[in-house]
Every structure is written in structure tokens, then in C-alpha cells.
């Protein structure tokens, strides 16, 4: 993926990258991607996705309602 972004390769042309092409093209607009920084950019953007997934997977979301529910839980333990 990183090499393809740096080279300007059509990500839809490979079975390995086709399913992530929309995502990669979207974040790629925010960067000047080179061979030297492509992997770091892909890692950073992957981290953002994982952070969001973990946020949404938690029992208590990071909303006012979720924080209040978490505090109620802490009072019980």
C-alpha cells in the first residue's frame, strides 16, 4: 500500500490493496507522499482508524453520557 501510494500506482489494480483504495486515496490528499514517508503515513492513518474502532468498542463511549455512566460504575466498585 505505502509503496503504491508513493509510486502513484492504481491501488485498485491489486487484490491486496483494492479494498482499501478509497480510504487510502482519501487520506493521501492530505499529504505529500514520498517513498521515504509513505510507510509512516500509512501507519499513522491506520492508527487513527484503530483508535476510532477502540473508542467505539468500549463499554463507555467518550461522550458526556458515557462519562457519567462510567462514573456511576466506579461508585459501585
C-alpha atoms as a PDB file:
ATOM      1  CA  UNK A   1       0.000   0.000   0.000  1.00  0.00           C
ATOM      2  CA  UNK A   2       2.677   2.501   1.037  1.00  0.00           C
ATOM      3  CA  UNK A   3       4.846   1.801  -1.986  1.00  0.00           C
ATOM      4  CA  UNK A   4       1.820   2.052  -4.276  1.00  0.00           C
ATOM      5  CA  UNK A   5       0.844   5.412  -2.814  1.00  0.00           C
ATOM      6  CA  UNK A   6       4.367   6.761  -3.230  1.00  0.00           C
ATOM      7  CA  UNK A   7       4.635   5.451  -6.785  1.00  0.00           C
ATOM      8  CA  UNK A   8       1.186   6.679  -7.772  1.00  0.00           C
ATOM      9  CA  UNK A   9       0.103   3.151  -8.645  1.00  0.00           C
ATOM     10  CA  UNK A  10      -3.593   2.387  -9.118  1.00  0.00           C
ATOM     11  CA  UNK A  11      -4.434   0.731  -5.808  1.00  0.00           C
ATOM     12  CA  UNK A  12      -7.476  -0.915  -7.355  1.00  0.00           C
ATOM     13  CA  UNK A  13      -5.205  -2.930  -9.634  1.00  0.00           C
ATOM     14  CA  UNK A  14      -4.052  -5.248  -6.861  1.00  0.00           C
ATOM     15  CA  UNK A  15      -6.216  -7.656  -4.909  1.00  0.00           C
ATOM     16  CA  UNK A  16      -4.182  -6.787  -1.811  1.00  0.00           C
ATOM     17  CA  UNK A  17      -4.915  -3.052  -1.911  1.00  0.00           C
ATOM     18  CA  UNK A  18      -8.164  -2.721  -3.868  1.00  0.00           C
ATOM     19  CA  UNK A  19     -10.443  -2.957  -0.844  1.00  0.00           C
ATOM     20  CA  UNK A  20      -8.560  -0.127   0.892  1.00  0.00           C
ATOM     21  CA  UNK A  21      -8.177   2.129  -2.136  1.00  0.00           C
ATOM     22  CA  UNK A  22     -10.985   4.564  -1.255  1.00  0.00           C
ATOM     23  CA  UNK A  23      -9.629   5.023   2.273  1.00  0.00           C
ATOM     24  CA  UNK A  24      -6.035   5.488   1.086  1.00  0.00           C
ATOM     25  CA  UNK A  25      -6.968   7.930  -1.647  1.00  0.00           C
ATOM     26  CA  UNK A  26      -8.985   9.953   0.837  1.00  0.00           C
ATOM     27  CA  UNK A  27      -6.164  10.428   3.344  1.00  0.00           C
ATOM     28  CA  UNK A  28      -3.499  10.729   0.640  1.00  0.00           C
ATOM     29  CA  UNK A  29      -4.979  14.096  -0.371  1.00  0.00           C
ATOM     30  CA  UNK A  30      -3.751  15.492   2.948  1.00  0.00           C
ATOM     31  CA  UNK A  31      -0.089  14.622   2.377  1.00  0.00           C
ATOM     32  CA  UNK A  32       2.804  14.940   0.009  1.00  0.00           C
ATOM     33  CA  UNK A  33       3.672  11.263  -0.112  1.00  0.00           C
ATOM     34  CA  UNK A  34       7.187  10.172  -0.958  1.00  0.00           C
ATOM     35  CA  UNK A  35       8.961   6.838  -0.840  1.00  0.00           C
ATOM     36  CA  UNK A  36      10.607   7.985   2.402  1.00  0.00           C
ATOM     37  CA  UNK A  37       7.436   8.930   4.284  1.00  0.00           C
ATOM     38  CA  UNK A  38       4.776   6.668   2.749  1.00  0.00           C
ATOM     39  CA  UNK A  39       5.021   3.869   5.305  1.00  0.00           C
ATOM     40  CA  UNK A  40       4.931   6.303   8.241  1.00  0.00           C
ATOM     41  CA  UNK A  41       1.824   7.957   6.790  1.00  0.00           C
ATOM     42  CA  UNK A  42       0.053   4.625   6.286  1.00  0.00           C
ATOM     43  CA  UNK A  43       0.950   3.590   9.844  1.00  0.00           C
ATOM     44  CA  UNK A  44      -0.337   6.896  11.272  1.00  0.00           C
ATOM     45  CA  UNK A  45      -3.595   6.701   9.333  1.00  0.00           C
ATOM     46  CA  UNK A  46      -4.076   3.050  10.323  1.00  0.00           C
ATOM     47  CA  UNK A  47      -3.560   4.088  13.939  1.00  0.00           C
ATOM     48  CA  UNK A  48      -6.307   6.687  13.605  1.00  0.00           C
ATOM     49  CA  UNK A  49      -8.720   4.043  12.347  1.00  0.00           C
ATOM     50  CA  UNK A  50      -7.817   1.629  15.149  1.00  0.00           C
ATOM     51  CA  UNK A  51      -8.188   4.356  17.761  1.00  0.00           C
ATOM     52  CA  UNK A  52     -11.669   5.121  16.496  1.00  0.00           C
ATOM     53  CA  UNK A  53     -12.612   1.441  16.469  1.00  0.00           C
ATOM     54  CA  UNK A  54     -11.394   1.027  20.049  1.00  0.00           C
ATOM     55  CA  UNK A  55     -13.268   4.152  21.096  1.00  0.00           C
ATOM     56  CA  UNK A  56     -16.497   2.780  19.674  1.00  0.00           C
ATOM     57  CA  UNK A  57     -15.901  -0.710  21.041  1.00  0.00           C
ATOM     58  CA  UNK A  58     -15.596   0.443  24.627  1.00  0.00           C
ATOM     59  CA  UNK A  59     -18.348  -0.118  27.115  1.00  0.00           C
ATOM     60  CA  UNK A  60     -18.436   3.611  27.820  1.00  0.00           C
ATOM     61  CA  UNK A  61     -18.162   5.974  24.880  1.00  0.00           C
ATOM     62  CA  UNK A  62     -16.263   9.258  25.291  1.00  0.00           C
ATOM     63  CA  UNK A  63     -19.474  11.292  25.382  1.00  0.00           C
ATOM     64  CA  UNK A  64     -20.987  13.123  28.347  1.00  0.00           C
ATOM     65  CA  UNK A  65     -23.487  10.306  28.752  1.00  0.00           C
ATOM     66  CA  UNK A  66     -20.744   7.663  28.610  1.00  0.00           C
ATOM     67  CA  UNK A  67     -18.550   9.514  31.102  1.00  0.00           C
ATOM     68  CA  UNK A  68     -21.455   9.834  33.529  1.00  0.00           C
ATOM     69  CA  UNK A  69     -22.218   6.123  33.200  1.00  0.00           C
ATOM     70  CA  UNK A  70     -18.570   5.275  33.837  1.00  0.00           C
ATOM     71  CA  UNK A  71     -18.526   7.416  36.987  1.00  0.00           C
ATOM     72  CA  UNK A  72     -21.672   5.648  38.216  1.00  0.00           C
ATOM     73  CA  UNK A  73     -19.913   2.345  37.622  1.00  0.00           C
ATOM     74  CA  UNK A  74     -16.867   3.491  39.598  1.00  0.00           C
ATOM     75  CA  UNK A  75     -19.088   4.469  42.522  1.00  0.00           C
ATOM     76  CA  UNK A  76     -20.367   0.887  42.631  1.00  0.00           C
ATOM     77  CA  UNK A  77     -16.934  -0.763  42.845  1.00  0.00           C
END
